[in-house]
PDB file of N, CA and C in Angstrom:
ATOM      1  N   MET A   1       0.774  -1.221   0.073  1.00  0.00           N
ATOM      2  CA  MET A   1       0.029  -0.054   0.023  1.00  0.00           C
ATOM      3  C   MET A   1       0.847   1.205   0.072  1.00  0.00           C
ATOM      4  N   ALA A   2       2.176   1.102   0.281  1.00  0.00           N
ATOM      5  CA  ALA A   2       3.086   2.230   0.277  1.00  0.00           C
ATOM      6  C   ALA A   2       3.090   3.037  -1.085  1.00  0.00           C
ATOM      7  N   ASP A   3       2.930   2.259  -2.126  1.00  0.00           N
ATOM      8  CA  ASP A   3       3.061   2.775  -3.528  1.00  0.00           C
ATOM      9  C   ASP A   3       1.686   3.670  -3.812  1.00  0.00           C
ATOM     10  N   ASP A   4       0.660   3.386  -2.996  1.00  0.00           N
ATOM     11  CA  ASP A   4      -0.689   4.184  -3.259  1.00  0.00           C
ATOM     12  C   ASP A   4      -0.563   5.621  -2.836  1.00  0.00           C
ATOM     13  N   PRO A   5      -0.676   6.633  -3.636  1.00  0.00           N
ATOM     14  CA  PRO A   5      -0.442   7.993  -3.385  1.00  0.00           C
ATOM     15  C   PRO A   5      -1.550   8.507  -2.316  1.00  0.00           C
ATOM     16  N   GLU A   6      -2.712   7.987  -2.268  1.00  0.00           N
ATOM     17  CA  GLU A   6      -3.743   8.348  -1.384  1.00  0.00           C
ATOM     18  C   GLU A   6      -3.415   7.825   0.103  1.00  0.00           C
ATOM     19  N   ASN A   7      -2.636   6.762   0.253  1.00  0.00           N
ATOM     20  CA  ASN A   7      -2.331   6.185   1.548  1.00  0.00           C
ATOM     21  C   ASN A   7      -1.141   6.539   2.068  1.00  0.00           C
ATOM     22  N   SER A   8      -0.227   7.273   1.166  1.00  0.00           N
ATOM     23  CA  SER A   8       1.200   7.451   1.710  1.00  0.00           C
ATOM     24  C   SER A   8       1.222   8.816   2.408  1.00  0.00           C
ATOM     25  N   VAL A   9       2.283   8.918   3.411  1.00  0.00           N
ATOM     26  CA  VAL A   9       2.393  10.014   4.166  1.00  0.00           C
ATOM     27  C   VAL A   9       3.663  10.866   3.619  1.00  0.00           C
ATOM     28  N   ASP A  10       3.478  12.059   3.245  1.00  0.00           N
ATOM     29  CA  ASP A  10       4.662  12.737   2.850  1.00  0.00           C
ATOM     30  C   ASP A  10       5.525  13.329   3.915  1.00  0.00           C
ATOM     31  N   ARG A  11       6.675  13.066   3.979  1.00  0.00           N
ATOM     32  CA  ARG A  11       7.625  13.718   4.891  1.00  0.00           C
ATOM     33  C   ARG A  11       8.644  14.622   4.231  1.00  0.00           C
ATOM     34  N   THR A  12       8.985  15.618   4.666  1.00  0.00           N
ATOM     35  CA  THR A  12       9.921  16.533   3.987  1.00  0.00           C
ATOM     36  C   THR A  12      11.200  16.237   4.575  1.00  0.00           C
ATOM     37  N   THR A  13      12.295  16.317   3.828  1.00  0.00           N
ATOM     38  CA  THR A  13      13.691  16.105   4.277  1.00  0.00           C
ATOM     39  C   THR A  13      14.054  17.353   5.147  1.00  0.00           C
ATOM     40  N   ASP A  14      15.259  17.354   5.798  1.00  0.00           N
ATOM     41  CA  ASP A  14      15.743  18.442   6.554  1.00  0.00           C
ATOM     42  C   ASP A  14      15.903  19.723   5.890  1.00  0.00           C
ATOM     43  N   ASP A  15      16.293  19.606   4.561  1.00  0.00           N
ATOM     44  CA  ASP A  15      16.514  20.804   3.840  1.00  0.00           C
ATOM     45  C   ASP A  15      15.281  21.476   3.374  1.00  0.00           C
ATOM     46  N   GLY A  16      14.160  20.936   3.685  1.00  0.00           N
ATOM     47  CA  GLY A  16      12.852  21.652   3.329  1.00  0.00           C
ATOM     48  C   GLY A  16      12.323  21.259   1.956  1.00  0.00           C
ATOM     49  N   ASP A  17      12.936  20.258   1.231  1.00  0.00           N
ATOM     50  CA  ASP A  17      12.526  19.913  -0.057  1.00  0.00           C
ATOM     51  C   ASP A  17      11.392  18.974   0.014  1.00  0.00           C
ATOM     52  N   ALA A  18      10.183  19.593  -0.329  1.00  0.00           N
ATOM     53  CA  ALA A  18       8.956  18.853  -0.201  1.00  0.00           C
ATOM     54  C   ALA A  18       8.694  18.080  -1.472  1.00  0.00           C
ATOM     55  N   SER A  19       9.403  18.076  -2.428  1.00  0.00           N
ATOM     56  CA  SER A  19       9.155  17.332  -3.702  1.00  0.00           C
ATOM     57  C   SER A  19       9.615  15.993  -3.531  1.00  0.00           C
ATOM     58  N   LYS A  20      10.541  15.624  -2.668  1.00  0.00           N
ATOM     59  CA  LYS A  20      11.116  14.238  -2.540  1.00  0.00           C
ATOM     60  C   LYS A  20      10.591  13.605  -1.037  1.00  0.00           C
ATOM     61  N   PRO A  21       9.750  12.769  -0.981  1.00  0.00           N
ATOM     62  CA  PRO A  21       9.217  12.204   0.294  1.00  0.00           C
ATOM     63  C   PRO A  21      10.292  11.181   0.900  1.00  0.00           C
ATOM     64  N   GLU A  22      10.301  11.323   2.112  1.00  0.00           N
ATOM     65  CA  GLU A  22      11.335  10.569   2.967  1.00  0.00           C
ATOM     66  C   GLU A  22      10.716   9.266   3.219  1.00  0.00           C
ATOM     67  N   LYS A  23      11.391   8.106   3.347  1.00  0.00           N
ATOM     68  CA  LYS A  23      10.874   6.826   3.690  1.00  0.00           C
ATOM     69  C   LYS A  23      10.674   6.759   5.242  1.00  0.00           C
ATOM     70  N   MET A  24       9.621   6.217   5.608  1.00  0.00           N
ATOM     71  CA  MET A  24       9.353   6.102   7.069  1.00  0.00           C
ATOM     72  C   MET A  24      10.104   5.022   7.708  1.00  0.00           C
ATOM     73  N   PHE A  25      10.293   3.958   6.931  1.00  0.00           N
ATOM     74  CA  PHE A  25      11.107   2.852   7.456  1.00  0.00           C
ATOM     75  C   PHE A  25      11.475   2.018   6.270  1.00  0.00           C
ATOM     76  N   THR A  26      12.466   1.198   6.435  1.00  0.00           N
ATOM     77  CA  THR A  26      12.811   0.254   5.527  1.00  0.00           C
ATOM     78  C   THR A  26      12.841  -1.159   6.048  1.00  0.00           C
ATOM     79  N   LEU A  27      12.251  -2.159   5.418  1.00  0.00           N
ATOM     80  CA  LEU A  27      12.184  -3.473   5.932  1.00  0.00           C
ATOM     81  C   LEU A  27      13.447  -4.081   5.474  1.00  0.00           C
ATOM     82  N   LYS A  28      14.339  -4.587   6.576  1.00  0.00           N
ATOM     83  CA  LYS A  28      15.525  -5.142   6.233  1.00  0.00           C
ATOM     84  C   LYS A  28      15.540  -6.673   6.264  1.00  0.00           C
ATOM     85  N   LYS A  29      14.621  -7.225   7.123  1.00  0.00           N
ATOM     86  CA  LYS A  29      14.556  -8.723   7.369  1.00  0.00           C
ATOM     87  C   LYS A  29      13.151  -9.102   7.843  1.00  0.00           C
ATOM     88  N   TRP A  30      12.696 -10.260   7.424  1.00  0.00           N
ATOM     89  CA  TRP A  30      11.358 -10.694   7.988  1.00  0.00           C
ATOM     90  C   TRP A  30      11.444 -12.230   8.058  1.00  0.00           C
ATOM     91  N   ASN A  31      10.763 -12.793   9.093  1.00  0.00           N
ATOM     92  CA  ASN A  31      10.747 -14.135   9.183  1.00  0.00           C
ATOM     93  C   ASN A  31       9.288 -14.698   9.141  1.00  0.00           C
ATOM     94  N   ALA A  32       9.164 -15.671   8.385  1.00  0.00           N
ATOM     95  CA  ALA A  32       7.789 -16.375   8.250  1.00  0.00           C
ATOM     96  C   ALA A  32       7.525 -17.412   9.279  1.00  0.00           C
ATOM     97  N   VAL A  33       6.365 -17.458   9.829  1.00  0.00           N
ATOM     98  CA  VAL A  33       6.070 -18.423  10.819  1.00  0.00           C
ATOM     99  C   VAL A  33       4.891 -19.239  10.254  1.00  0.00           C
ATOM    100  N   ALA A  34       4.846 -20.506  10.325  1.00  0.00           N
ATOM    101  CA  ALA A  34       3.875 -21.395   9.798  1.00  0.00           C
ATOM    102  C   ALA A  34       3.470 -22.453  10.962  1.00  0.00           C
ATOM    103  N   MET A  35       2.230 -22.866  10.862  1.00  0.00           N
ATOM    104  CA  MET A  35       1.754 -23.950  11.820  1.00  0.00           C
ATOM    105  C   MET A  35       1.284 -25.132  10.911  1.00  0.00           C
ATOM    106  N   TRP A  36       1.458 -26.350  11.473  1.00  0.00           N
ATOM    107  CA  TRP A  36       0.970 -27.497  10.656  1.00  0.00           C
ATOM    108  C   TRP A  36       0.518 -28.548  11.560  1.00  0.00           C
ATOM    109  N   SER A  37      -0.260 -29.375  11.162  1.00  0.00           N
ATOM    110  CA  SER A  37      -0.612 -30.706  11.991  1.00  0.00           C
ATOM    111  C   SER A  37      -0.970 -31.768  11.035  1.00  0.00           C
ATOM    112  N   TRP A  38      -0.957 -33.083  11.632  1.00  0.00           N
ATOM    113  CA  TRP A  38      -1.276 -34.260  10.839  1.00  0.00           C
ATOM    114  C   TRP A  38      -2.594 -34.271  10.703  1.00  0.00           C
ATOM    115  N   ASP A  39      -3.077 -34.731   9.365  1.00  0.00           N
ATOM    116  CA  ASP A  39      -4.441 -34.890   9.180  1.00  0.00           C
ATOM    117  C   ASP A  39      -4.911 -36.219   9.626  1.00  0.00           C
ATOM    118  N   VAL A  40      -4.988 -36.462  10.971  1.00  0.00           N
ATOM    119  CA  VAL A  40      -5.417 -37.743  11.563  1.00  0.00           C
ATOM    120  C   VAL A  40      -6.393 -37.517  12.717  1.00  0.00           C
ATOM    121  N   GLU A  41      -7.179 -38.366  13.061  1.00  0.00           N
ATOM    122  CA  GLU A  41      -8.129 -38.199  14.124  1.00  0.00           C
ATOM    123  C   GLU A  41      -7.398 -38.442  15.459  1.00  0.00           C
ATOM    124  N   CYS A  42      -6.497 -39.425  15.438  1.00  0.00           N
ATOM    125  CA  CYS A  42      -5.729 -39.711  16.724  1.00  0.00           C
ATOM    126  C   CYS A  42      -4.253 -39.887  16.339  1.00  0.00           C
ATOM    127  N   ASP A  43      -3.448 -39.244  17.017  1.00  0.00           N
ATOM    128  CA  ASP A  43      -1.972 -39.428  16.681  1.00  0.00           C
ATOM    129  C   ASP A  43      -1.284 -40.401  17.472  1.00  0.00           C
ATOM    130  N   ILE A  44      -1.968 -41.327  18.169  1.00  0.00           N
ATOM    131  CA  ILE A  44      -1.343 -42.375  18.904  1.00  0.00           C
ATOM    132  C   ILE A  44      -1.967 -43.760  18.383  1.00  0.00           C
ATOM    133  N   CYS A  45      -1.066 -44.628  18.182  1.00  0.00           N
ATOM    134  CA  CYS A  45      -1.470 -45.924  17.727  1.00  0.00           C
ATOM    135  C   CYS A  45      -2.280 -46.684  18.815  1.00  0.00           C
ATOM    136  N   ALA A  46      -3.528 -47.018  18.536  1.00  0.00           N
ATOM    137  CA  ALA A  46      -4.451 -47.620  19.630  1.00  0.00           C
ATOM    138  C   ALA A  46      -3.956 -48.989  19.872  1.00  0.00           C
ATOM    139  N   ILE A  47      -3.125 -49.531  19.079  1.00  0.00           N
ATOM    140  CA  ILE A  47      -2.719 -50.974  19.364  1.00  0.00           C
ATOM    141  C   ILE A  47      -1.476 -51.089  20.273  1.00  0.00           C
ATOM    142  N   CYS A  48      -0.506 -50.238  19.969  1.00  0.00           N
ATOM    143  CA  CYS A  48       0.722 -50.305  20.765  1.00  0.00           C
ATOM    144  C   CYS A  48       0.936 -49.183  21.705  1.00  0.00           C
ATOM    145  N   ARG A  49       0.058 -48.175  21.443  1.00  0.00           N
ATOM    146  CA  ARG A  49       0.039 -46.866  22.438  1.00  0.00           C
ATOM    147  C   ARG A  49       1.258 -46.071  22.237  1.00  0.00           C
ATOM    148  N   VAL A  50       1.927 -46.049  21.049  1.00  0.00           N
ATOM    149  CA  VAL A  50       2.991 -45.302  20.734  1.00  0.00           C
ATOM    150  C   VAL A  50       2.628 -44.201  19.660  1.00  0.00           C
ATOM    151  N   GLN A  51       3.163 -43.031  19.703  1.00  0.00           N
ATOM    152  CA  GLN A  51       2.723 -41.955  18.668  1.00  0.00           C
ATOM    153  C   GLN A  51       2.924 -42.640  17.258  1.00  0.00           C
ATOM    154  N   VAL A  52       1.940 -42.371  16.297  1.00  0.00           N
ATOM    155  CA  VAL A  52       2.160 -42.916  14.952  1.00  0.00           C
ATOM    156  C   VAL A  52       3.323 -42.431  14.173  1.00  0.00           C
ATOM    157  N   MET A  53       3.797 -41.410  14.468  1.00  0.00           N
ATOM    158  CA  MET A  53       4.946 -40.706  13.700  1.00  0.00           C
ATOM    159  C   MET A  53       6.330 -41.369  14.265  1.00  0.00           C
ATOM    160  N   ASP A  54       6.221 -41.988  15.346  1.00  0.00           N
ATOM    161  CA  ASP A  54       7.412 -42.689  15.963  1.00  0.00           C
ATOM    162  C   ASP A  54       7.289 -44.164  15.601  1.00  0.00           C
ATOM    163  N   SER A  55       8.416 -44.954  15.765  1.00  0.00           N
ATOM    164  CA  SER A  55       8.357 -46.382  15.310  1.00  0.00           C
ATOM    165  C   SER A  55       7.609 -47.049  16.380  1.00  0.00           C
ATOM    166  N   CYS A  56       6.846 -48.160  15.931  1.00  0.00           N
ATOM    167  CA  CYS A  56       6.016 -49.008  16.959  1.00  0.00           C
ATOM    168  C   CYS A  56       7.128 -49.733  17.821  1.00  0.00           C
ATOM    169  N   LEU A  57       6.496 -50.391  18.830  1.00  0.00           N
ATOM    170  CA  LEU A  57       7.363 -50.999  19.812  1.00  0.00           C
ATOM    171  C   LEU A  57       8.057 -52.253  19.104  1.00  0.00           C
ATOM    172  N   ARG A  58       7.552 -52.815  18.172  1.00  0.00           N
ATOM    173  CA  ARG A  58       8.107 -54.000  17.553  1.00  0.00           C
ATOM    174  C   ARG A  58       9.265 -53.585  16.654  1.00  0.00           C
ATOM    175  N   CYS A  59       9.180 -52.467  15.915  1.00  0.00           N
ATOM    176  CA  CYS A  59      10.339 -51.946  15.205  1.00  0.00           C
ATOM    177  C   CYS A  59      11.385 -51.360  16.179  1.00  0.00           C
ATOM    178  N   GLN A  60      10.979 -50.801  17.246  1.00  0.00           N
ATOM    179  CA  GLN A  60      12.029 -50.306  18.153  1.00  0.00           C
ATOM    180  C   GLN A  60      12.770 -51.516  18.758  1.00  0.00           C
ATOM    181  N   ALA A  61      12.145 -52.559  19.177  1.00  0.00           N
ATOM    182  CA  ALA A  61      12.850 -53.783  19.595  1.00  0.00           C
ATOM    183  C   ALA A  61      13.714 -54.407  18.509  1.00  0.00           C
ATOM    184  N   ASP A  62      13.204 -54.531  17.329  1.00  0.00           N
ATOM    185  CA  ASP A  62      14.017 -55.066  16.188  1.00  0.00           C
ATOM    186  C   ASP A  62      15.037 -54.181  15.681  1.00  0.00           C
ATOM    187  N   ASN A  63      14.913 -52.940  16.095  1.00  0.00           N
ATOM    188  CA  ASN A  63      15.879 -51.929  15.534  1.00  0.00           C
ATOM    189  C   ASN A  63      16.003 -51.821  14.117  1.00  0.00           C
ATOM    190  N   LYS A  64      14.762 -51.808  13.447  1.00  0.00           N
ATOM    191  CA  LYS A  64      14.625 -51.889  11.987  1.00  0.00           C
ATOM    192  C   LYS A  64      15.039 -50.413  11.510  1.00  0.00           C
ATOM    193  N   ARG A  65      15.877 -50.295  10.459  1.00  0.00           N
ATOM    194  CA  ARG A  65      16.214 -48.952  10.060  1.00  0.00           C
ATOM    195  C   ARG A  65      15.976 -48.972   8.498  1.00  0.00           C
ATOM    196  N   ASP A  66      15.762 -47.702   7.963  1.00  0.00           N
ATOM    197  CA  ASP A  66      15.673 -47.426   6.623  1.00  0.00           C
ATOM    198  C   ASP A  66      17.004 -47.139   6.110  1.00  0.00           C
ATOM    199  N   VAL A  67      17.024 -46.844   4.652  1.00  0.00           N
ATOM    200  CA  VAL A  67      18.386 -46.412   4.143  1.00  0.00           C
ATOM    201  C   VAL A  67      19.038 -45.177   4.616  1.00  0.00           C
ATOM    202  N   MET A  68      18.220 -44.338   5.289  1.00  0.00           N
ATOM    203  CA  MET A  68      18.758 -43.007   5.847  1.00  0.00           C
ATOM    204  C   MET A  68      19.163 -43.108   7.343  1.00  0.00           C
ATOM    205  N   GLY A  69      18.961 -44.430   7.856  1.00  0.00           N
ATOM    206  CA  GLY A  69      19.375 -44.704   9.194  1.00  0.00           C
ATOM    207  C   GLY A  69      18.384 -44.444  10.188  1.00  0.00           C
ATOM    208  N   ARG A  70      17.103 -44.144   9.735  1.00  0.00           N
ATOM    209  CA  ARG A  70      16.057 -43.791  10.698  1.00  0.00           C
ATOM    210  C   ARG A  70      15.234 -45.197  10.906  1.00  0.00           C
ATOM    211  N   GLN A  71      14.533 -45.247  12.034  1.00  0.00           N
ATOM    212  CA  GLN A  71      13.849 -46.463  12.232  1.00  0.00           C
ATOM    213  C   GLN A  71      12.642 -46.465  11.150  1.00  0.00           C
ATOM    214  N   ASP A  72      12.471 -47.557  10.651  1.00  0.00           N
ATOM    215  CA  ASP A  72      11.473 -47.606   9.377  1.00  0.00           C
ATOM    216  C   ASP A  72      10.243 -48.242  10.015  1.00  0.00           C
ATOM    217  N   CYS A  73       9.129 -47.469  10.079  1.00  0.00           N
ATOM    218  CA  CYS A  73       7.892 -47.866  10.481  1.00  0.00           C
ATOM    219  C   CYS A  73       6.855 -47.151   9.810  1.00  0.00           C
ATOM    220  N   VAL A  74       6.085 -47.685   8.997  1.00  0.00           N
ATOM    221  CA  VAL A  74       5.042 -46.993   8.010  1.00  0.00           C
ATOM    222  C   VAL A  74       3.828 -46.775   8.725  1.00  0.00           C
ATOM    223  N   VAL A  75       3.134 -45.680   8.498  1.00  0.00           N
ATOM    224  CA  VAL A  75       1.780 -45.349   9.050  1.00  0.00           C
ATOM    225  C   VAL A  75       0.742 -45.823   8.020  1.00  0.00           C
ATOM    226  N   VAL A  76      -0.365 -46.341   8.451  1.00  0.00           N
ATOM    227  CA  VAL A  76      -1.420 -46.745   7.551  1.00  0.00           C
ATOM    228  C   VAL A  76      -2.735 -46.066   8.090  1.00  0.00           C
ATOM    229  N   TRP A  77      -3.530 -45.459   7.195  1.00  0.00           N
ATOM    230  CA  TRP A  77      -4.699 -44.684   7.546  1.00  0.00           C
ATOM    231  C   TRP A  77      -5.806 -45.571   6.982  1.00  0.00           C
ATOM    232  N   GLY A  78      -6.953 -45.622   7.668  1.00  0.00           N
ATOM    233  CA  GLY A  78      -8.087 -46.490   7.113  1.00  0.00           C
ATOM    234  C   GLY A  78      -8.990 -45.482   6.563  1.00  0.00           C
ATOM    235  N   GLU A  79     -10.181 -46.013   5.846  1.00  0.00           N
ATOM    236  CA  GLU A  79     -11.106 -45.102   5.337  1.00  0.00           C
ATOM    237  C   GLU A  79     -11.932 -44.325   6.370  1.00  0.00           C
ATOM    238  N   CYS A  80     -11.818 -44.768   7.651  1.00  0.00           N
ATOM    239  CA  CYS A  80     -12.342 -44.219   8.852  1.00  0.00           C
ATOM    240  C   CYS A  80     -11.508 -43.058   9.339  1.00  0.00           C
ATOM    241  N   ASN A  81     -10.322 -42.824   8.779  1.00  0.00           N
ATOM    242  CA  ASN A  81      -9.415 -41.733   9.060  1.00  0.00           C
ATOM    243  C   ASN A  81      -8.702 -41.954  10.473  1.00  0.00           C
ATOM    244  N   HIS A  82      -8.782 -43.268  10.886  1.00  0.00           N
ATOM    245  CA  HIS A  82      -7.924 -43.528  12.090  1.00  0.00           C
ATOM    246  C   HIS A  82      -6.573 -44.044  11.535  1.00  0.00           C
ATOM    247  N   SER A  83      -5.476 -43.854  12.226  1.00  0.00           N
ATOM    248  CA  SER A  83      -4.093 -44.120  11.786  1.00  0.00           C
ATOM    249  C   SER A  83      -3.491 -45.157  12.843  1.00  0.00           C
ATOM    250  N   PHE A  84      -2.744 -46.077  12.206  1.00  0.00           N
ATOM    251  CA  PHE A  84      -1.997 -47.013  13.057  1.00  0.00           C
ATOM    252  C   PHE A  84      -0.688 -47.293  12.413  1.00  0.00           C
ATOM    253  N   HIS A  85       0.242 -47.789  13.159  1.00  0.00           N
ATOM    254  CA  HIS A  85       1.429 -48.501  12.612  1.00  0.00           C
ATOM    255  C   HIS A  85       1.090 -49.601  11.722  1.00  0.00           C
ATOM    256  N   HIS A  86       1.708 -49.585  10.484  1.00  0.00           N
ATOM    257  CA  HIS A  86       1.370 -50.763   9.655  1.00  0.00           C
ATOM    258  C   HIS A  86       1.758 -52.107  10.283  1.00  0.00           C
ATOM    259  N   CYS A  87       2.768 -52.210  10.948  1.00  0.00           N
ATOM    260  CA  CYS A  87       3.218 -53.481  11.745  1.00  0.00           C
ATOM    261  C   CYS A  87       2.089 -53.858  12.573  1.00  0.00           C
ATOM    262  N   CYS A  88       1.586 -52.989  13.390  1.00  0.00           N
ATOM    263  CA  CYS A  88       0.575 -53.262  14.379  1.00  0.00           C
ATOM    264  C   CYS A  88      -0.741 -53.734  13.725  1.00  0.00           C
ATOM    265  N   MET A  89      -1.110 -52.960  12.753  1.00  0.00           N
ATOM    266  CA  MET A  89      -2.344 -53.222  12.075  1.00  0.00           C
ATOM    267  C   MET A  89      -2.370 -54.609  11.160  1.00  0.00           C
ATOM    268  N   SER A  90      -1.266 -54.784  10.707  1.00  0.00           N
ATOM    269  CA  SER A  90      -1.102 -56.104   9.863  1.00  0.00           C
ATOM    270  C   SER A  90      -1.336 -57.267  10.952  1.00  0.00           C
ATOM    271  N   LEU A  91      -0.725 -57.206  11.992  1.00  0.00           N
ATOM    272  CA  LEU A  91      -1.204 -58.349  13.047  1.00  0.00           C
ATOM    273  C   LEU A  91      -2.577 -58.290  13.473  1.00  0.00           C
ATOM    274  N   TRP A  92      -3.125 -57.110  13.633  1.00  0.00           N
ATOM    275  CA  TRP A  92      -4.471 -56.918  14.206  1.00  0.00           C
ATOM    276  C   TRP A  92      -5.548 -57.500  13.190  1.00  0.00           C
ATOM    277  N   VAL A  93      -5.396 -57.192  11.916  1.00  0.00           N
ATOM    278  CA  VAL A  93      -6.318 -57.722  10.923  1.00  0.00           C
ATOM    279  C   VAL A  93      -6.423 -59.193  10.644  1.00  0.00           C
ATOM    280  N   LYS A  94      -5.282 -59.932  11.081  1.00  0.00           N
ATOM    281  CA  LYS A  94      -5.260 -61.333  10.984  1.00  0.00           C
ATOM    282  C   LYS A  94      -6.256 -61.905  12.053  1.00  0.00           C
ATOM    283  N   GLN A  95      -6.562 -61.250  13.107  1.00  0.00           N
ATOM    284  CA  GLN A  95      -7.603 -61.643  13.995  1.00  0.00           C
ATOM    285  C   GLN A  95      -8.863 -61.076  13.859  1.00  0.00           C
ATOM    286  N   ASN A  96      -8.933 -59.734  13.430  1.00  0.00           N
ATOM    287  CA  ASN A  96     -10.233 -58.999  13.524  1.00  0.00           C
ATOM    288  C   ASN A  96     -10.063 -57.908  12.307  1.00  0.00           C
ATOM    289  N   ASN A  97     -10.972 -58.174  11.309  1.00  0.00           N
ATOM    290  CA  ASN A  97     -10.746 -57.079  10.127  1.00  0.00           C
ATOM    291  C   ASN A  97     -11.525 -55.933  10.401  1.00  0.00           C
ATOM    292  N   ARG A  98     -11.562 -55.399  11.553  1.00  0.00           N
ATOM    293  CA  ARG A  98     -12.215 -54.047  11.916  1.00  0.00           C
ATOM    294  C   ARG A  98     -11.244 -53.123  12.544  1.00  0.00           C
ATOM    295  N   CYS A  99     -11.549 -51.798  12.391  1.00  0.00           N
ATOM    296  CA  CYS A  99     -10.806 -50.773  13.089  1.00  0.00           C
ATOM    297  C   CYS A  99     -10.903 -51.032  14.614  1.00  0.00           C
ATOM    298  N   PRO A 100      -9.757 -50.939  15.233  1.00  0.00           N
ATOM    299  CA  PRO A 100      -9.713 -51.105  16.768  1.00  0.00           C
ATOM    300  C   PRO A 100     -10.472 -49.951  17.540  1.00  0.00           C
ATOM    301  N   LEU A 101     -10.619 -48.778  16.795  1.00  0.00           N
ATOM    302  CA  LEU A 101     -11.142 -47.654  17.484  1.00  0.00           C
ATOM    303  C   LEU A 101     -12.669 -47.554  17.313  1.00  0.00           C
ATOM    304  N   CYS A 102     -13.140 -47.647  15.966  1.00  0.00           N
ATOM    305  CA  CYS A 102     -14.521 -47.420  15.548  1.00  0.00           C
ATOM    306  C   CYS A 102     -15.324 -48.729  15.163  1.00  0.00           C
ATOM    307  N   GLN A 103     -14.554 -49.779  14.991  1.00  0.00           N
ATOM    308  CA  GLN A 103     -15.089 -51.105  14.640  1.00  0.00           C
ATOM    309  C   GLN A 103     -15.656 -51.094  13.201  1.00  0.00           C
ATOM    310  N   GLN A 104     -15.449 -50.176  12.348  1.00  0.00           N
ATOM    311  CA  GLN A 104     -15.721 -50.215  10.942  1.00  0.00           C
ATOM    312  C   GLN A 104     -15.041 -51.254  10.264  1.00  0.00           C
ATOM    313  N   GLU A 105     -15.535 -51.870   9.209  1.00  0.00           N
ATOM    314  CA  GLU A 105     -14.630 -52.818   8.379  1.00  0.00           C
ATOM    315  C   GLU A 105     -13.446 -52.058   7.975  1.00  0.00           C
ATOM    316  N   TRP A 106     -12.257 -52.783   8.116  1.00  0.00           N
ATOM    317  CA  TRP A 106     -10.998 -52.217   7.858  1.00  0.00           C
ATOM    318  C   TRP A 106     -10.843 -52.173   6.418  1.00  0.00           C
ATOM    319  N   SER A 107     -10.411 -50.872   5.946  1.00  0.00           N
ATOM    320  CA  SER A 107     -10.043 -50.773   4.533  1.00  0.00           C
ATOM    321  C   SER A 107      -9.014 -49.565   4.425  1.00  0.00           C
ATOM    322  N   ILE A 108      -7.906 -49.781   3.844  1.00  0.00           N
ATOM    323  CA  ILE A 108      -6.824 -48.974   3.813  1.00  0.00           C
ATOM    324  C   ILE A 108      -7.105 -47.784   2.910  1.00  0.00           C
ATOM    325  N   GLN A 109      -6.999 -46.607   3.410  1.00  0.00           N
ATOM    326  CA  GLN A 109      -7.057 -45.410   2.670  1.00  0.00           C
ATOM    327  C   GLN A 109      -5.735 -44.982   2.055  1.00  0.00           C
ATOM    328  N   ARG A 110      -4.793 -44.993   2.845  1.00  0.00           N
ATOM    329  CA  ARG A 110      -3.448 -44.638   2.238  1.00  0.00           C
ATOM    330  C   ARG A 110      -2.366 -45.110   3.256  1.00  0.00           C
ATOM    331  N   MET A 111      -1.064 -45.152   2.744  1.00  0.00           N
ATOM    332  CA  MET A 111       0.028 -45.510   3.702  1.00  0.00           C
ATOM    333  C   MET A 111       1.116 -44.437   3.559  1.00  0.00           C
ATOM    334  N   GLY A 112       1.901 -44.284   4.422  1.00  0.00           N
ATOM    335  CA  GLY A 112       3.029 -43.262   4.285  1.00  0.00           C
ATOM    336  C   GLY A 112       3.762 -43.025   5.601  1.00  0.00           C
ATOM    337  N   LYS A 113       4.634 -42.164   5.594  1.00  0.00           N
ATOM    338  CA  LYS A 113       5.410 -41.830   6.818  1.00  0.00           C
ATOM    339  C   LYS A 113       4.889 -40.409   7.230  1.00  0.00           C
TER     340      LYS A 113
END
């Protein structure tokens, strides 16, 4: 809005030259701030009670690692939007093909990290 002549404030310089407006301030640096969150209903795996973005207890015990050296444990989201560790859910569906939280028929929506 500073370029808009209706909204600008004219300041004269010390020598009284009213034809050249003085800058009120100059922006030298700014920092952007952003917020984010996971698109999940619950951020804790209801099967092993560990946060879904951390490795499950089985992967922690087996010390499984990916190519980058991080513990490799994939998250799986159901059609009901509940999320679990894939390791935990793969064992769960062998006994019961329903979501542990809402009891809907289990169907995978997506997998990822």
